[in-house]
């Protein structure tokens, strides 16, 4: 019985240890359990898409940069980088690392930006 319990303990420990190593931080563990949404990303996406049409172009662009910074996407423009100097370091310029809800949010936001004819930053 003891041998079986030791074997089970090792079997269970390995996936937990592997998950902790892959995650690296408490935010990483939260992201695994919450569909990839970190608290920072959820906060950045707190404005309802129904209110996008009432925002000015500058506010829309700022919101877009805020979501990308919270998702740790490397900003392309200097203005976007300067807007969030305290943001955590970026992981990738590729938006494919974002979770599905964040991608959907950005699609709606960018549709509004295009509909208003906003200029890029």
C-alpha atoms as a PDB file:
ATOM      1  CA  UNK A   1       0.000   0.000   0.000  1.00  0.00           C
ATOM      2  CA  UNK A   2       2.837   2.396   0.869  1.00  0.00           C
ATOM      3  CA  UNK A   3       4.537   1.703  -2.463  1.00  0.00           C
ATOM      4  CA  UNK A   4       1.313   2.487  -4.305  1.00  0.00           C
ATOM      5  CA  UNK A   5       0.792   5.730  -2.382  1.00  0.00           C
ATOM      6  CA  UNK A   6       4.396   6.810  -3.101  1.00  0.00           C
ATOM      7  CA  UNK A   7       3.949   6.070  -6.796  1.00  0.00           C
ATOM      8  CA  UNK A   8       0.671   8.039  -6.867  1.00  0.00           C
ATOM      9  CA  UNK A   9       2.313  10.960  -5.060  1.00  0.00           C
ATOM     10  CA  UNK A  10       5.068  11.099  -7.694  1.00  0.00           C
ATOM     11  CA  UNK A  11       2.546  10.812 -10.519  1.00  0.00           C
ATOM     12  CA  UNK A  12       0.451  13.691  -9.193  1.00  0.00           C
ATOM     13  CA  UNK A  13       3.425  15.865  -8.291  1.00  0.00           C
ATOM     14  CA  UNK A  14       4.948  15.888 -11.774  1.00  0.00           C
ATOM     15  CA  UNK A  15       2.057  17.604 -13.623  1.00  0.00           C
ATOM     16  CA  UNK A  16       1.643  20.144 -10.808  1.00  0.00           C
ATOM     17  CA  UNK A  17       5.373  20.856 -10.798  1.00  0.00           C
ATOM     18  CA  UNK A  18       5.403  21.144 -14.586  1.00  0.00           C
ATOM     19  CA  UNK A  19       2.450  23.539 -14.566  1.00  0.00           C
ATOM     20  CA  UNK A  20       4.121  25.731 -11.951  1.00  0.00           C
ATOM     21  CA  UNK A  21       7.367  25.829 -13.917  1.00  0.00           C
ATOM     22  CA  UNK A  22       5.577  26.704 -17.159  1.00  0.00           C
ATOM     23  CA  UNK A  23       3.479  29.380 -15.528  1.00  0.00           C
ATOM     24  CA  UNK A  24       6.378  30.970 -13.674  1.00  0.00           C
ATOM     25  CA  UNK A  25       4.203  33.412 -11.729  1.00  0.00           C
ATOM     26  CA  UNK A  26       0.929  33.579  -9.904  1.00  0.00           C
ATOM     27  CA  UNK A  27      -0.473  35.531 -12.882  1.00  0.00           C
ATOM     28  CA  UNK A  28       0.553  32.684 -15.144  1.00  0.00           C
ATOM     29  CA  UNK A  29      -1.270  30.153 -12.991  1.00  0.00           C
ATOM     30  CA  UNK A  30      -4.343  32.411 -12.959  1.00  0.00           C
ATOM     31  CA  UNK A  31      -4.161  32.730 -16.743  1.00  0.00           C
ATOM     32  CA  UNK A  32      -4.131  28.941 -17.137  1.00  0.00           C
ATOM     33  CA  UNK A  33      -7.208  28.558 -14.963  1.00  0.00           C
ATOM     34  CA  UNK A  34      -9.110  31.523 -16.402  1.00  0.00           C
ATOM     35  CA  UNK A  35      -8.905  30.904 -20.138  1.00  0.00           C
ATOM     36  CA  UNK A  36      -5.794  33.039 -20.496  1.00  0.00           C
ATOM     37  CA  UNK A  37      -7.361  36.176 -19.033  1.00  0.00           C
ATOM     38  CA  UNK A  38      -5.083  37.873 -16.505  1.00  0.00           C
ATOM     39  CA  UNK A  39      -6.460  40.410 -14.016  1.00  0.00           C
ATOM     40  CA  UNK A  40      -4.642  43.200 -15.887  1.00  0.00           C
ATOM     41  CA  UNK A  41      -6.225  42.189 -19.178  1.00  0.00           C
ATOM     42  CA  UNK A  42      -9.693  41.921 -17.646  1.00  0.00           C
ATOM     43  CA  UNK A  43      -9.263  45.408 -16.133  1.00  0.00           C
ATOM     44  CA  UNK A  44      -8.127  46.853 -19.468  1.00  0.00           C
ATOM     45  CA  UNK A  45     -11.234  45.386 -21.115  1.00  0.00           C
ATOM     46  CA  UNK A  46     -13.645  46.689 -18.481  1.00  0.00           C
ATOM     47  CA  UNK A  47     -15.237  49.282 -20.797  1.00  0.00           C
ATOM     48  CA  UNK A  48     -18.298  47.799 -22.461  1.00  0.00           C
ATOM     49  CA  UNK A  49     -18.170  47.491 -26.276  1.00  0.00           C
ATOM     50  CA  UNK A  50     -21.625  49.100 -26.379  1.00  0.00           C
ATOM     51  CA  UNK A  51     -19.952  52.355 -25.289  1.00  0.00           C
ATOM     52  CA  UNK A  52     -17.257  52.353 -27.989  1.00  0.00           C
ATOM     53  CA  UNK A  53     -19.307  54.552 -30.324  1.00  0.00           C
ATOM     54  CA  UNK A  54     -19.430  57.332 -27.719  1.00  0.00           C
ATOM     55  CA  UNK A  55     -15.620  57.524 -27.456  1.00  0.00           C
ATOM     56  CA  UNK A  56     -13.388  59.906 -29.366  1.00  0.00           C
ATOM     57  CA  UNK A  57     -10.709  58.566 -31.717  1.00  0.00           C
ATOM     58  CA  UNK A  58      -7.941  59.361 -29.244  1.00  0.00           C
ATOM     59  CA  UNK A  59      -9.790  57.473 -26.509  1.00  0.00           C
ATOM     60  CA  UNK A  60     -10.343  54.484 -28.799  1.00  0.00           C
ATOM     61  CA  UNK A  61      -6.660  54.327 -29.747  1.00  0.00           C
ATOM     62  CA  UNK A  62      -5.659  54.656 -26.095  1.00  0.00           C
ATOM     63  CA  UNK A  63      -8.002  51.797 -25.158  1.00  0.00           C
ATOM     64  CA  UNK A  64      -6.545  49.644 -27.936  1.00  0.00           C
ATOM     65  CA  UNK A  65      -2.999  50.303 -26.709  1.00  0.00           C
ATOM     66  CA  UNK A  66      -4.087  49.636 -23.117  1.00  0.00           C
ATOM     67  CA  UNK A  67      -5.506  46.213 -23.991  1.00  0.00           C
ATOM     68  CA  UNK A  68      -2.383  45.315 -25.980  1.00  0.00           C
ATOM     69  CA  UNK A  69      -0.098  46.441 -23.141  1.00  0.00           C
ATOM     70  CA  UNK A  70      -2.116  44.448 -20.598  1.00  0.00           C
ATOM     71  CA  UNK A  71      -1.903  41.411 -22.899  1.00  0.00           C
ATOM     72  CA  UNK A  72       1.881  41.949 -23.045  1.00  0.00           C
ATOM     73  CA  UNK A  73       1.883  42.546 -26.791  1.00  0.00           C
ATOM     74  CA  UNK A  74       4.867  44.604 -27.982  1.00  0.00           C
ATOM     75  CA  UNK A  75       3.601  48.029 -29.040  1.00  0.00           C
ATOM     76  CA  UNK A  76       4.456  49.151 -32.571  1.00  0.00           C
ATOM     77  CA  UNK A  77       4.178  52.916 -32.210  1.00  0.00           C
ATOM     78  CA  UNK A  78       6.287  55.159 -30.002  1.00  0.00           C
ATOM     79  CA  UNK A  79       3.170  56.923 -28.748  1.00  0.00           C
ATOM     80  CA  UNK A  80       1.638  53.641 -27.566  1.00  0.00           C
ATOM     81  CA  UNK A  81       4.876  52.653 -25.823  1.00  0.00           C
ATOM     82  CA  UNK A  82       5.116  56.050 -24.120  1.00  0.00           C
ATOM     83  CA  UNK A  83       1.496  55.786 -22.946  1.00  0.00           C
ATOM     84  CA  UNK A  84       2.301  52.760 -20.781  1.00  0.00           C
ATOM     85  CA  UNK A  85       5.844  53.116 -19.416  1.00  0.00           C
ATOM     86  CA  UNK A  86       5.022  51.020 -16.334  1.00  0.00           C
ATOM     87  CA  UNK A  87       3.558  48.110 -18.297  1.00  0.00           C
ATOM     88  CA  UNK A  88       5.131  44.713 -17.764  1.00  0.00           C
ATOM     89  CA  UNK A  89       7.637  43.722 -20.419  1.00  0.00           C
ATOM     90  CA  UNK A  90       6.135  42.540 -23.663  1.00  0.00           C
ATOM     91  CA  UNK A  91       6.228  38.898 -24.694  1.00  0.00           C
ATOM     92  CA  UNK A  92       5.549  39.048 -28.417  1.00  0.00           C
ATOM     93  CA  UNK A  93       4.443  41.390 -31.210  1.00  0.00           C
ATOM     94  CA  UNK A  94       2.087  38.613 -32.344  1.00  0.00           C
ATOM     95  CA  UNK A  95      -1.480  39.102 -31.122  1.00  0.00           C
ATOM     96  CA  UNK A  96      -2.149  35.376 -31.474  1.00  0.00           C
ATOM     97  CA  UNK A  97      -0.920  34.925 -27.885  1.00  0.00           C
ATOM     98  CA  UNK A  98      -3.987  36.799 -26.624  1.00  0.00           C
ATOM     99  CA  UNK A  99      -6.900  34.782 -25.267  1.00  0.00           C
ATOM    100  CA  UNK A 100     -10.062  34.549 -27.378  1.00  0.00           C
ATOM    101  CA  UNK A 101     -12.103  37.133 -25.432  1.00  0.00           C
ATOM    102  CA  UNK A 102      -9.337  39.722 -25.815  1.00  0.00           C
ATOM    103  CA  UNK A 103      -9.111  39.077 -29.569  1.00  0.00           C
ATOM    104  CA  UNK A 104     -12.889  39.473 -29.897  1.00  0.00           C
ATOM    105  CA  UNK A 105     -12.782  42.698 -27.870  1.00  0.00           C
ATOM    106  CA  UNK A 106     -10.053  44.106 -30.131  1.00  0.00           C
ATOM    107  CA  UNK A 107     -12.024  43.156 -33.256  1.00  0.00           C
ATOM    108  CA  UNK A 108     -15.047  45.132 -32.021  1.00  0.00           C
ATOM    109  CA  UNK A 109     -12.844  48.029 -30.951  1.00  0.00           C
ATOM    110  CA  UNK A 110     -11.047  48.162 -34.303  1.00  0.00           C
ATOM    111  CA  UNK A 111     -14.345  48.000 -36.202  1.00  0.00           C
ATOM    112  CA  UNK A 112     -15.424  51.113 -34.318  1.00  0.00           C
ATOM    113  CA  UNK A 113     -12.077  52.785 -35.018  1.00  0.00           C
ATOM    114  CA  UNK A 114     -12.446  52.052 -38.730  1.00  0.00           C
ATOM    115  CA  UNK A 115     -16.091  53.160 -38.810  1.00  0.00           C
ATOM    116  CA  UNK A 116     -15.140  56.510 -37.261  1.00  0.00           C
ATOM    117  CA  UNK A 117     -12.223  56.935 -39.669  1.00  0.00           C
ATOM    118  CA  UNK A 118      -9.687  57.365 -36.895  1.00  0.00           C
ATOM    119  CA  UNK A 119      -6.077  57.938 -37.877  1.00  0.00           C
ATOM    120  CA  UNK A 120      -3.395  55.594 -36.532  1.00  0.00           C
ATOM    121  CA  UNK A 121      -1.223  56.717 -33.634  1.00  0.00           C
END
